[in-house]
Amino acid sequence: MILALMFFAMLAMILINVPIGIALAIAALIGQADLRGVDSLLSLGIDMYRGATGFALISIPMFVLAGAIMNAGG
């Protein structure tokens, strides 16, 4: 049920010309508020920081950078 609500909320926002990234973020907020409760939105910034600083997410851009350096160097 929550997936349908999130999908239709995102679809409605896209139809009224809201940027896709913002529509995805608002749909995710709706899902998190429904699944974990409204109180979980207080720690949203901390959750986003912990998710973005994971080793796998940091290592991917470094591999791309290393490939670009190797390509430029021959």
Protein backbone atom coordinates (compact mmCIF):
# COMPACT_ATOMS: atom_id res chain seq x y z
CA MET A 1 0.00 0.00 0.00
CA ILE A 2 2.80 2.41 0.88
CA LEU A 3 4.57 1.68 -2.40
CA ALA A 4 1.46 2.64 -4.33
CA LEU A 5 1.17 5.87 -2.32
CA MET A 6 4.81 6.72 -2.94
CA PHE A 7 4.51 5.92 -6.66
CA PHE A 8 1.39 7.99 -7.20
CA ALA A 9 2.80 10.89 -5.16
CA MET A 10 5.94 10.85 -7.28
CA LEU A 11 3.95 10.54 -10.51
CA ALA A 12 1.70 13.44 -9.52
CA MET A 13 4.69 15.62 -8.74
CA ILE A 14 6.36 14.78 -12.04
CA LEU A 15 3.16 15.61 -13.91
CA ILE A 16 3.12 19.09 -12.35
CA ASN A 17 6.75 19.61 -13.45
CA VAL A 18 8.53 19.10 -10.14
CA PRO A 19 12.14 18.00 -10.82
CA ILE A 20 12.59 14.23 -10.62
CA GLY A 21 15.19 14.38 -7.84
CA ILE A 22 12.91 16.43 -5.62
CA ALA A 23 9.94 14.15 -6.42
CA LEU A 24 12.02 11.11 -5.43
CA ALA A 25 13.12 12.79 -2.21
CA ILE A 26 9.57 13.73 -1.22
CA ALA A 27 8.32 10.23 -2.04
CA ALA A 28 11.11 8.80 0.14
CA LEU A 29 10.13 11.13 2.97
CA ILE A 30 6.53 9.93 2.69
CA GLY A 31 7.70 6.31 2.85
CA GLN A 32 9.99 6.88 5.80
CA ALA A 33 7.35 8.79 7.73
CA ASP A 34 4.85 5.99 7.15
CA LEU A 35 7.15 3.08 7.95
CA ARG A 36 9.17 4.50 10.85
CA GLY A 37 6.88 7.24 12.08
CA VAL A 38 7.11 10.99 11.91
CA ASP A 39 9.67 11.10 14.74
CA SER A 40 12.24 9.40 12.49
CA LEU A 41 12.36 12.50 10.28
CA LEU A 42 14.29 14.27 13.03
CA SER A 43 17.31 12.03 12.47
CA LEU A 44 17.06 12.14 8.67
CA GLY A 45 20.24 14.21 8.22
CA ILE A 46 22.28 11.80 10.31
CA ASP A 47 20.92 8.81 8.39
CA MET A 48 21.76 10.45 5.06
CA TYR A 49 25.30 11.26 6.23
CA ARG A 50 25.91 7.70 7.44
CA GLY A 51 24.62 6.31 4.15
CA ALA A 52 26.77 8.61 2.03
CA THR A 53 30.00 7.98 3.93
CA GLY A 54 30.01 4.22 3.52
CA PHE A 55 33.26 2.75 2.19
CA ALA A 56 31.69 1.39 -1.00
CA LEU A 57 30.18 4.72 -2.00
CA ILE A 58 33.44 6.56 -1.37
CA SER A 59 35.62 4.03 -3.21
CA ILE A 60 33.65 4.12 -6.50
CA PRO A 61 34.60 7.74 -7.41
CA MET A 62 38.20 7.00 -6.46
CA PHE A 63 38.33 4.06 -8.90
CA VAL A 64 36.89 6.31 -11.61
CA LEU A 65 39.50 8.96 -10.83
CA ALA A 66 42.29 6.36 -10.92
CA GLY A 67 41.04 5.15 -14.32
CA ALA A 68 40.98 8.71 -15.68
CA ILE A 69 44.52 9.32 -14.46
CA MET A 70 45.75 6.06 -16.00
CA ASN A 71 43.98 6.87 -19.28
CA ALA A 72 45.52 10.34 -19.42
CA GLY A 73 48.97 9.03 -18.54
CA GLY A 74 48.98 6.35 -21.20
